[in-house]
Amino acid sequence: MQSGNTGWGKSAPWIMEPIRQHKASADTLMGWQSSGETLKTLHLSFETLDAALAYANTNNIEPVIIPAQQRRRKLKAYADNFDFNRKQSWTH
């Protein structure tokens, strides 16, 4: 069952991520990427752009603002599963 939440879940409108300073290197044994930077795992979320910019100014961080891409909603209804003009094959 799904809730009728009209938002996009618990996503924050503004997220601050650090920029990688050093190149990641491939681990020879497993092939994973590794790096000594622990700040790469840090993600700070803010409710407004002003709050994010205020945090950056107080901590001497030069902000780079990257706008989010617009999401397109795919409106669906339960009745579409039984439509005669259905484009997908029946799975049952």
N, C-alpha and C. Protein backbone atom coordinates (compact mmCIF):
# COMPACT_ATOMS: atom_id res chain seq x y z
N MET A 1 0.84 -1.17 0.00
CA MET A 1 0.00 0.00 0.00
C MET A 1 0.89 1.24 0.00
N GLN A 2 0.46 2.24 -0.69
CA GLN A 2 1.24 3.46 -0.77
C GLN A 2 0.47 4.60 -0.12
N SER A 3 1.21 5.49 0.49
CA SER A 3 0.55 6.65 1.09
C SER A 3 0.29 7.68 0.00
N GLY A 4 -0.60 8.59 0.28
CA GLY A 4 -0.95 9.62 -0.69
C GLY A 4 -0.11 10.86 -0.54
N ASN A 5 1.15 10.71 -0.17
CA ASN A 5 2.02 11.86 0.02
C ASN A 5 2.25 12.55 -1.31
N THR A 6 2.01 13.84 -1.38
CA THR A 6 2.18 14.58 -2.62
C THR A 6 3.60 15.07 -2.82
N GLY A 7 4.44 14.99 -1.80
CA GLY A 7 5.82 15.45 -1.90
C GLY A 7 6.73 14.36 -2.44
N TRP A 8 8.00 14.60 -2.36
CA TRP A 8 9.00 13.65 -2.84
C TRP A 8 9.68 12.97 -1.67
N GLY A 9 8.95 12.54 -0.69
CA GLY A 9 9.52 11.82 0.44
C GLY A 9 10.23 12.77 1.39
N LYS A 10 11.31 12.31 1.96
CA LYS A 10 12.05 13.10 2.94
C LYS A 10 13.25 13.80 2.31
N SER A 11 13.17 14.14 1.05
CA SER A 11 14.28 14.80 0.39
C SER A 11 14.34 16.27 0.80
N ALA A 12 15.52 16.74 1.07
CA ALA A 12 15.72 18.13 1.45
C ALA A 12 15.92 18.96 0.19
N PRO A 13 15.42 20.18 0.19
CA PRO A 13 15.56 21.00 -1.01
C PRO A 13 17.01 21.41 -1.33
N TRP A 14 17.86 21.58 -0.31
CA TRP A 14 19.23 22.03 -0.55
C TRP A 14 20.19 21.11 0.18
N ILE A 15 21.17 20.58 -0.55
CA ILE A 15 22.15 19.65 0.02
C ILE A 15 23.53 20.21 -0.25
N MET A 16 24.38 20.20 0.79
CA MET A 16 25.76 20.65 0.65
C MET A 16 26.68 19.42 0.68
N GLU A 17 27.48 19.29 -0.37
CA GLU A 17 28.44 18.19 -0.47
C GLU A 17 29.82 18.78 -0.71
N PRO A 18 30.86 18.20 -0.10
CA PRO A 18 32.21 18.70 -0.36
C PRO A 18 32.70 18.27 -1.74
N ILE A 19 33.54 19.08 -2.32
CA ILE A 19 34.14 18.76 -3.61
C ILE A 19 35.39 17.92 -3.36
N ARG A 20 35.55 16.87 -4.15
CA ARG A 20 36.69 15.96 -3.99
C ARG A 20 38.00 16.69 -4.31
N GLN A 21 38.95 16.60 -3.39
CA GLN A 21 40.23 17.28 -3.55
C GLN A 21 41.29 16.39 -4.20
N HIS A 22 41.19 15.08 -3.99
CA HIS A 22 42.18 14.15 -4.51
C HIS A 22 41.49 13.11 -5.39
N LYS A 23 42.20 12.60 -6.34
CA LYS A 23 41.66 11.60 -7.24
C LYS A 23 41.53 10.27 -6.50
N ALA A 24 40.44 9.56 -6.75
CA ALA A 24 40.24 8.24 -6.15
C ALA A 24 41.11 7.22 -6.89
N SER A 25 41.62 6.26 -6.15
CA SER A 25 42.46 5.22 -6.76
C SER A 25 41.75 3.87 -6.67
N ALA A 26 42.01 3.01 -7.62
CA ALA A 26 41.39 1.69 -7.64
C ALA A 26 42.16 0.75 -6.73
N ASP A 27 41.43 0.01 -5.92
CA ASP A 27 42.04 -0.99 -5.06
C ASP A 27 42.45 -2.18 -5.91
N THR A 28 43.67 -2.66 -5.76
CA THR A 28 44.18 -3.73 -6.63
C THR A 28 43.54 -5.08 -6.32
N LEU A 29 43.13 -5.31 -5.09
CA LEU A 29 42.57 -6.60 -4.73
C LEU A 29 41.10 -6.72 -5.14
N MET A 30 40.28 -5.77 -4.77
CA MET A 30 38.85 -5.85 -5.01
C MET A 30 38.38 -5.04 -6.21
N GLY A 31 39.15 -4.05 -6.64
CA GLY A 31 38.76 -3.21 -7.75
C GLY A 31 37.87 -2.05 -7.35
N TRP A 32 37.64 -1.87 -6.06
CA TRP A 32 36.82 -0.76 -5.59
C TRP A 32 37.62 0.53 -5.66
N GLN A 33 36.93 1.65 -5.69
CA GLN A 33 37.59 2.94 -5.61
C GLN A 33 37.82 3.28 -4.15
N SER A 34 38.99 3.77 -3.85
CA SER A 34 39.28 4.16 -2.48
C SER A 34 39.92 5.54 -2.47
N SER A 35 39.77 6.19 -1.34
CA SER A 35 40.32 7.52 -1.18
C SER A 35 40.53 7.77 0.30
N GLY A 36 41.46 8.64 0.63
CA GLY A 36 41.70 8.99 2.01
C GLY A 36 40.82 10.11 2.51
N GLU A 37 39.95 10.63 1.65
CA GLU A 37 39.09 11.74 2.04
C GLU A 37 37.86 11.21 2.77
N THR A 38 37.71 11.59 3.99
CA THR A 38 36.52 11.19 4.74
C THR A 38 35.39 12.19 4.61
N LEU A 39 35.67 13.38 4.11
CA LEU A 39 34.62 14.39 3.95
C LEU A 39 33.68 14.06 2.80
N LYS A 40 34.07 13.16 1.91
CA LYS A 40 33.23 12.82 0.77
C LYS A 40 31.93 12.16 1.21
N THR A 41 31.92 11.57 2.39
CA THR A 41 30.71 10.91 2.88
C THR A 41 29.78 11.88 3.61
N LEU A 42 30.18 13.13 3.75
CA LEU A 42 29.40 14.12 4.48
C LEU A 42 28.41 14.80 3.55
N HIS A 43 27.13 14.79 3.92
CA HIS A 43 26.08 15.47 3.17
C HIS A 43 25.23 16.25 4.17
N LEU A 44 25.22 17.56 4.04
CA LEU A 44 24.42 18.41 4.92
C LEU A 44 23.19 18.87 4.16
N SER A 45 22.03 18.80 4.79
CA SER A 45 20.80 19.23 4.13
C SER A 45 20.25 20.46 4.84
N PHE A 46 19.68 21.36 4.04
CA PHE A 46 19.14 22.63 4.54
C PHE A 46 17.75 22.83 3.94
N GLU A 47 16.90 23.50 4.69
CA GLU A 47 15.54 23.76 4.23
C GLU A 47 15.49 24.86 3.17
N THR A 48 16.37 25.85 3.28
CA THR A 48 16.35 26.96 2.34
C THR A 48 17.75 27.23 1.81
N LEU A 49 17.82 27.93 0.69
CA LEU A 49 19.10 28.31 0.12
C LEU A 49 19.81 29.31 1.04
N ASP A 50 19.05 30.20 1.67
CA ASP A 50 19.65 31.18 2.57
C ASP A 50 20.34 30.51 3.76
N ALA A 51 19.74 29.45 4.29
CA ALA A 51 20.35 28.72 5.40
C ALA A 51 21.64 28.04 4.96
N ALA A 52 21.66 27.50 3.76
CA ALA A 52 22.87 26.86 3.24
C ALA A 52 23.98 27.88 3.01
N LEU A 53 23.62 29.03 2.44
CA LEU A 53 24.62 30.07 2.20
C LEU A 53 25.14 30.66 3.51
N ALA A 54 24.28 30.79 4.51
CA ALA A 54 24.73 31.30 5.82
C ALA A 54 25.71 30.32 6.46
N TYR A 55 25.45 29.03 6.36
CA TYR A 55 26.38 28.03 6.90
C TYR A 55 27.72 28.10 6.17
N ALA A 56 27.67 28.23 4.84
CA ALA A 56 28.90 28.30 4.06
C ALA A 56 29.70 29.55 4.41
N ASN A 57 29.04 30.66 4.61
CA ASN A 57 29.74 31.90 4.94
C ASN A 57 30.37 31.85 6.33
N THR A 58 29.68 31.26 7.30
CA THR A 58 30.24 31.19 8.66
C THR A 58 31.41 30.22 8.75
N ASN A 59 31.47 29.22 7.85
CA ASN A 59 32.55 28.24 7.88
C ASN A 59 33.58 28.45 6.78
N ASN A 60 33.57 29.62 6.14
CA ASN A 60 34.53 29.98 5.09
C ASN A 60 34.58 28.95 3.96
N ILE A 61 33.41 28.55 3.49
CA ILE A 61 33.29 27.61 2.38
C ILE A 61 32.77 28.38 1.17
N GLU A 62 33.46 28.23 0.05
CA GLU A 62 32.99 28.89 -1.17
C GLU A 62 31.90 28.05 -1.81
N PRO A 63 30.66 28.54 -1.84
CA PRO A 63 29.56 27.72 -2.36
C PRO A 63 29.51 27.73 -3.89
N VAL A 64 29.16 26.58 -4.44
CA VAL A 64 28.88 26.43 -5.86
C VAL A 64 27.46 25.89 -5.94
N ILE A 65 26.57 26.66 -6.53
CA ILE A 65 25.15 26.28 -6.57
C ILE A 65 24.86 25.57 -7.88
N ILE A 66 24.39 24.33 -7.75
CA ILE A 66 24.00 23.52 -8.91
C ILE A 66 22.50 23.28 -8.79
N PRO A 67 21.69 23.85 -9.67
CA PRO A 67 20.24 23.66 -9.55
C PRO A 67 19.85 22.22 -9.87
N ALA A 68 18.83 21.74 -9.19
CA ALA A 68 18.35 20.38 -9.40
C ALA A 68 17.56 20.30 -10.70
N GLN A 69 17.59 19.14 -11.33
CA GLN A 69 16.82 18.94 -12.54
C GLN A 69 15.36 18.75 -12.17
N GLN A 70 14.48 19.18 -13.06
CA GLN A 70 13.06 19.02 -12.83
C GLN A 70 12.67 17.56 -12.97
N ARG A 71 11.88 17.08 -12.03
CA ARG A 71 11.40 15.70 -12.10
C ARG A 71 10.04 15.68 -12.79
N ARG A 72 9.83 14.66 -13.58
CA ARG A 72 8.55 14.48 -14.23
C ARG A 72 7.78 13.38 -13.52
N ARG A 73 6.55 13.65 -13.21
CA ARG A 73 5.72 12.65 -12.55
C ARG A 73 5.02 11.80 -13.60
N LYS A 74 4.96 10.52 -13.33
CA LYS A 74 4.20 9.61 -14.16
C LYS A 74 2.91 9.30 -13.42
N LEU A 75 1.84 9.94 -13.82
CA LEU A 75 0.57 9.73 -13.16
C LEU A 75 0.00 8.39 -13.59
N LYS A 76 -0.34 7.56 -12.62
CA LYS A 76 -0.87 6.23 -12.90
C LYS A 76 -2.10 6.00 -12.05
N ALA A 77 -2.94 5.13 -12.52
CA ALA A 77 -4.12 4.74 -11.77
C ALA A 77 -4.19 3.21 -11.74
N TYR A 78 -4.81 2.67 -10.74
CA TYR A 78 -4.93 1.23 -10.62
C TYR A 78 -5.75 0.66 -11.78
N ALA A 79 -6.71 1.41 -12.27
CA ALA A 79 -7.55 0.95 -13.37
C ALA A 79 -6.75 0.77 -14.66
N ASP A 80 -5.59 1.41 -14.79
CA ASP A 80 -4.76 1.25 -15.98
C ASP A 80 -4.25 -0.17 -16.14
N ASN A 81 -4.21 -0.95 -15.06
CA ASN A 81 -3.77 -2.35 -15.15
C ASN A 81 -4.74 -3.20 -15.96
N PHE A 82 -5.99 -2.78 -16.08
CA PHE A 82 -7.02 -3.57 -16.74
C PHE A 82 -7.53 -2.91 -18.02
N ASP A 83 -6.78 -1.98 -18.55
CA ASP A 83 -7.17 -1.26 -19.75
C ASP A 83 -7.01 -2.16 -20.98
N PHE A 84 -7.98 -2.10 -21.91
CA PHE A 84 -7.91 -2.91 -23.13
C PHE A 84 -6.81 -2.41 -24.07
N ASN A 85 -6.48 -1.14 -24.01
CA ASN A 85 -5.45 -0.56 -24.87
C ASN A 85 -4.09 -0.55 -24.19
N ARG A 86 -3.87 -1.47 -23.32
CA ARG A 86 -2.63 -1.57 -22.54
C ARG A 86 -1.45 -1.85 -23.45
N LYS A 87 -0.33 -1.18 -23.24
CA LYS A 87 0.84 -1.34 -24.10
C LYS A 87 1.77 -2.45 -23.61
N GLN A 88 1.67 -2.85 -22.34
CA GLN A 88 2.52 -3.91 -21.80
C GLN A 88 1.73 -5.22 -21.79
N SER A 89 2.46 -6.32 -21.83
CA SER A 89 1.80 -7.63 -21.82
C SER A 89 1.33 -7.97 -20.41
N TRP A 90 0.35 -8.84 -20.34
CA TRP A 90 -0.16 -9.29 -19.05
C TRP A 90 0.86 -10.23 -18.41
N THR A 91 1.03 -10.11 -17.12
CA THR A 91 2.00 -10.98 -16.44
C THR A 91 1.31 -12.01 -15.58
N HIS A 92 0.00 -12.10 -15.63
CA HIS A 92 -0.70 -13.08 -14.82
C HIS A 92 -1.75 -13.81 -15.62
